[in-house]
Protein backbone atom coordinates (compact mmCIF):
# COMPACT_ATOMS: atom_id res chain seq x y z
CA MET A 1 5.80 62.64 37.57
CA SER A 2 3.27 60.03 38.71
CA GLU A 3 2.47 57.15 36.41
CA ARG A 4 -0.19 57.92 33.84
CA TYR A 5 -1.90 55.67 31.34
CA TYR A 6 -3.13 55.82 27.77
CA THR A 7 -6.08 53.55 26.97
CA ILE A 8 -8.29 52.75 24.00
CA ALA A 9 -11.77 51.62 25.03
CA PRO A 10 -12.79 48.09 23.92
CA GLU A 11 -15.86 49.50 22.12
CA ILE A 12 -13.58 51.14 19.57
CA PHE A 13 -12.07 47.82 18.52
CA GLN A 14 -15.47 46.11 18.56
CA ARG A 15 -16.97 48.68 16.21
CA PHE A 16 -13.90 48.97 13.99
CA PRO A 17 -12.24 45.55 13.66
CA GLY A 18 -8.61 45.76 12.66
CA TYR A 19 -8.14 49.30 13.94
CA ILE A 20 -4.70 50.07 15.40
CA ARG A 21 -3.04 53.18 16.77
CA GLY A 22 0.70 53.62 16.81
CA VAL A 23 1.96 55.90 19.57
CA VAL A 24 5.36 57.59 19.61
CA LEU A 25 6.41 59.08 22.94
CA ALA A 26 9.19 61.66 22.91
CA HIS A 27 10.51 63.05 26.20
CA GLY A 28 12.99 65.89 26.59
CA VAL A 29 12.76 67.15 23.02
CA THR A 30 13.99 70.55 21.86
CA ASN A 31 11.35 71.95 19.56
CA GLY A 32 11.74 75.00 17.37
CA LEU A 33 11.02 76.45 13.96
CA SER A 34 11.67 73.92 11.23
CA PRO A 35 15.06 74.18 9.53
CA GLU A 36 15.15 74.49 5.75
CA GLU A 37 15.92 70.78 5.35
CA LEU A 38 12.71 69.78 7.13
CA ILE A 39 10.61 72.33 5.24
CA GLN A 40 12.03 71.02 1.98
CA THR A 41 11.06 67.48 2.99
CA LEU A 42 7.51 68.71 3.64
CA ARG A 43 7.35 70.35 0.21
CA GLU A 44 8.68 67.22 -1.51
CA THR A 45 6.11 65.11 0.31
CA GLU A 46 3.32 67.44 -0.83
CA GLU A 47 4.55 67.19 -4.41
CA ALA A 48 4.57 63.39 -4.19
CA VAL A 49 0.92 63.47 -3.05
CA ARG A 50 -0.01 65.65 -6.03
CA GLY A 51 1.67 63.13 -8.31
CA ARG A 52 -0.31 60.14 -7.07
CA LEU A 53 -3.77 61.49 -6.15
CA GLN A 54 -6.51 63.43 -7.88
CA VAL A 55 -9.08 65.41 -5.95
CA GLU A 56 -11.99 64.17 -8.09
CA HIS A 57 -11.25 60.56 -7.07
CA LEU A 58 -10.18 61.26 -3.49
CA VAL A 59 -13.35 60.06 -1.74
CA ASP A 60 -12.91 56.64 -3.37
CA HIS A 61 -9.34 56.14 -2.21
CA PRO A 62 -9.40 53.25 0.30
CA ARG A 63 -7.48 55.20 2.95
CA ILE A 64 -9.85 58.17 2.70
CA LYS A 65 -13.03 56.15 2.20
CA SER A 66 -12.46 54.12 5.37
CA TRP A 67 -12.47 57.30 7.48
CA ARG A 68 -15.54 58.68 5.73
CA GLU A 69 -17.39 55.46 6.52
CA ALA A 70 -16.19 55.53 10.13
CA TYR A 71 -17.42 59.11 10.56
CA ARG A 72 -20.83 58.19 9.14
CA SER A 73 -21.08 55.34 11.64
CA PHE A 74 -21.08 57.73 14.61
CA GLY A 75 -23.27 60.38 12.99
CA ALA A 76 -20.74 62.80 11.49
CA LYS A 77 -21.33 63.76 7.85
CA PRO A 78 -17.94 63.27 6.15
CA SER A 79 -18.61 66.12 3.72
CA GLU A 80 -19.03 68.46 6.68
CA PHE A 81 -16.51 66.95 9.11
CA ARG A 82 -13.45 65.64 7.30
CA SER A 83 -10.80 63.50 8.90
CA SER A 84 -7.48 65.26 9.32
CA ILE A 85 -5.87 63.31 6.51
CA GLU A 86 -8.64 64.09 4.02
CA ALA A 87 -8.62 67.78 4.93
CA MET A 88 -4.84 67.93 4.60
CA VAL A 89 -4.74 66.10 1.26
CA ARG A 90 -7.47 68.32 -0.17
CA ARG A 91 -5.47 71.38 0.75
CA VAL A 92 -2.33 69.96 -0.85
CA LEU A 93 -4.20 69.01 -4.04
CA ARG A 94 -5.47 72.59 -4.29
CA GLY A 95 -1.83 73.63 -4.54
CA GLU A 96 -1.74 75.24 -1.11
CA PRO A 97 1.53 74.56 0.74
CA LEU A 98 1.02 73.50 4.33
CA PRO A 99 2.30 76.13 6.76
CA ALA A 100 5.60 75.32 8.45
CA ILE A 101 4.51 75.63 12.09
CA ASN A 102 7.28 74.07 14.12
CA ALA A 103 9.49 71.02 13.79
CA LEU A 104 7.29 68.59 15.75
CA VAL A 105 4.08 69.60 13.96
CA ASP A 106 5.77 69.51 10.55
CA ILE A 107 7.17 66.03 11.22
CA GLY A 108 3.68 64.75 11.97
CA ASN A 109 2.37 66.26 8.74
CA ILE A 110 5.17 64.75 6.68
CA VAL A 111 4.54 61.23 7.95
CA SER A 112 0.78 61.66 7.65
CA LEU A 113 1.06 62.59 3.98
CA ARG A 114 3.61 59.88 3.21
CA HIS A 115 1.29 57.13 4.41
CA LEU A 116 -2.12 58.79 3.95
CA ILE A 117 -3.00 58.23 7.60
CA PRO A 118 -4.14 60.64 10.31
CA ALA A 119 -1.18 61.63 12.47
CA GLY A 120 -1.52 64.07 15.34
CA GLY A 121 0.75 65.24 18.13
CA HIS A 122 -0.24 66.21 21.67
CA ALA A 123 1.95 67.90 24.26
CA ILE A 124 1.94 65.64 27.29
CA ASP A 125 4.00 67.85 29.59
CA VAL A 126 0.72 69.69 30.30
CA LEU A 127 -1.24 66.58 31.31
CA THR A 128 -2.41 65.98 34.85
CA GLY A 129 -4.32 62.74 34.31
CA ASP A 130 -4.77 59.67 32.15
CA ILE A 131 -5.73 59.94 28.48
CA ALA A 132 -8.02 57.73 26.44
CA LEU A 133 -9.73 57.20 23.11
CA ARG A 134 -13.37 56.38 23.85
CA LEU A 135 -17.01 57.12 23.11
CA ALA A 136 -18.37 60.43 24.37
CA THR A 137 -21.17 60.72 26.89
CA GLY A 138 -21.89 64.28 25.75
CA GLN A 139 -20.94 65.81 29.10
CA GLU A 140 -17.26 66.34 28.25
CA GLU A 141 -15.88 69.81 27.45
CA PHE A 142 -14.02 70.86 24.32
CA ILE A 143 -12.43 74.20 23.46
CA PRO A 144 -11.27 73.99 19.82
CA PHE A 145 -8.00 75.35 18.54
CA GLY A 146 -8.34 79.04 17.75
CA SER A 147 -11.41 79.57 19.92
CA ASP A 148 -12.33 80.19 23.54
CA ARG A 149 -15.88 78.87 23.12
CA LYS A 150 -16.73 75.73 25.06
CA GLU A 151 -18.45 72.88 23.22
CA HIS A 152 -19.73 69.42 24.12
CA PRO A 153 -19.25 66.37 21.89
CA LEU A 154 -22.29 64.41 20.77
CA PRO A 155 -23.07 61.22 22.70
CA GLY A 156 -21.46 58.28 20.95
CA GLU A 157 -18.91 60.43 19.14
CA ILE A 158 -15.36 59.09 19.30
CA ILE A 159 -13.13 61.41 21.29
CA PHE A 160 -9.56 61.57 22.56
CA ILE A 161 -9.72 62.83 26.11
CA GLU A 162 -7.97 63.63 29.39
CA GLY A 163 -10.49 63.11 32.18
CA GLU A 164 -13.47 65.15 30.95
CA ILE A 165 -11.39 67.50 28.75
CA VAL A 166 -11.61 66.62 25.07
CA LEU A 167 -8.27 66.77 23.27
CA THR A 168 -9.60 65.80 19.82
CA ARG A 169 -13.20 65.62 18.63
CA ARG A 170 -14.55 63.13 16.08
CA TRP A 171 -11.55 60.82 16.43
CA THR A 172 -9.23 62.58 13.97
CA TRP A 173 -11.07 65.82 13.21
CA ARG A 174 -10.23 68.86 15.34
CA GLN A 175 -7.76 69.35 18.18
CA ALA A 176 -8.28 71.39 21.33
CA ASN A 177 -6.14 74.23 22.61
CA HIS A 178 -5.17 72.20 25.67
CA THR A 179 -2.42 69.98 24.25
CA LEU A 180 -1.27 71.95 21.22
CA THR A 181 2.34 71.38 20.24
CA ARG A 182 4.19 74.62 20.87
CA ILE A 183 7.75 75.83 20.57
CA ASP A 184 8.29 75.19 24.28
CA THR A 185 6.81 71.65 24.23
CA ARG A 186 9.29 69.24 25.80
CA ASP A 187 7.26 66.01 26.00
CA ILE A 188 4.93 64.89 23.22
CA GLU A 189 3.01 61.88 21.98
CA PHE A 190 2.16 61.26 18.32
CA ASN A 191 -0.90 59.23 17.31
CA LEU A 192 -0.71 57.28 14.05
CA ASP A 193 -4.11 55.87 13.12
CA GLY A 194 -4.65 52.81 10.97
CA LEU A 195 -8.05 51.65 9.77
CA PRO A 196 -8.17 48.73 7.31
CA PRO A 197 -6.82 48.43 4.67
CA VAL A 198 -3.78 49.97 6.41
CA PRO A 199 -1.71 47.06 7.81
CA PHE A 200 -0.13 47.21 11.27
CA GLU A 201 3.31 46.85 9.64
CA GLU A 202 2.84 50.20 7.93
CA ILE A 203 1.82 51.89 11.17
CA GLU A 204 5.01 50.49 12.69
CA GLN A 205 6.99 51.87 9.75
CA ALA A 206 5.34 55.28 10.15
CA GLY A 207 6.16 55.23 13.87
CA HIS A 208 9.81 54.58 13.19
CA GLU A 209 9.86 57.39 10.63
CA VAL A 210 8.49 59.78 13.26
CA MET A 211 11.15 58.61 15.70
CA GLU A 212 13.91 59.07 13.15
CA LEU A 213 12.81 62.60 12.25
CA VAL A 214 12.20 63.67 15.85
CA GLY A 215 15.54 62.23 16.89
CA ARG A 216 17.34 64.02 14.07
CA PHE A 217 15.71 67.44 14.43
CA CYS A 218 14.55 67.62 18.07
CA GLY A 219 16.50 64.98 20.01
CA GLY A 220 14.88 63.46 23.07
CA ARG A 221 14.24 59.99 24.45
CA LEU A 222 11.95 58.04 22.17
CA ARG A 223 9.60 55.09 22.46
CA PHE A 224 7.06 53.44 20.14
CA GLU A 225 4.12 51.25 21.09
CA LEU A 226 1.24 49.82 19.09
CA LEU A 227 -2.19 49.99 20.71
CA SER A 228 -4.57 47.30 19.51
CA GLU A 229 -7.37 45.07 20.71
CA GLN A 230 -4.70 42.79 22.18
CA ASN A 231 -2.78 45.69 23.74
CA PRO A 232 -5.25 48.51 24.56
CA ARG A 233 -3.27 50.27 27.29
CA MET A 234 0.21 51.70 27.75
CA THR A 235 2.02 53.86 30.27
CA LEU A 236 3.13 57.37 29.36
CA LEU A 237 6.34 56.91 31.33
CA GLY A 238 9.46 55.10 30.28
CA PHE A 239 11.35 55.30 27.03
CA GLU A 240 13.74 53.53 24.75
CA MET A 241 17.11 55.08 24.04
CA THR A 242 17.59 56.59 20.62
CA LYS A 243 20.12 54.99 18.30
CA SER A 244 22.49 57.91 18.80
CA GLN A 245 22.27 57.46 22.56
CA GLU A 246 22.90 53.73 22.24
CA GLN A 247 26.07 54.41 20.29
CA THR A 248 27.56 56.85 22.81
């Protein structure tokens, strides 16, 4: 596997001061349907959200409001295009259990709900090039999950991309078919997004929670890195040994 890079464009940090993205890399995982223990953790996390949030006040919560304001800034109406965390919380507050999809997806949802941050996973064993978070030119191509219809992002929209293939539109809105996390996914990266008032320490904490859960339920070789204005690029190769590996 040739060396590949993950970059956040400087314009993102200029427009959104204090933004950080935690990235967990997991290589050689064994994914599968979630065991009962993991599903129970998801249900308990949903119940905790219902105990601390009310749907009528959701748009004023600082961790939801910051994403609504960010979406407005690049022309996306937040009532029409909701960030992944707002959409997920609204579903939970309606009393709808999140579907148990597979262990890696469910782990991302658990940590997202715990911290009220967008958290998304992308299979990286299907990548052939570098990936980046940047502004769209409008020429890129996007095929959303559950569709075969090709779309183009709006110029200036924030997109997560491999080459000219959009992996996620509107920053944290909708994922493409290309890097969906499937049962046979063996290499994955998780994005953990923090807009102020979320501190970088909490994104670090969320990253370590992802690593602990992935290590426990899926194994693999794990690594965490924080992408920021001071550190906007990382390699997708290399890993840190898990605690269990260190002890053997």
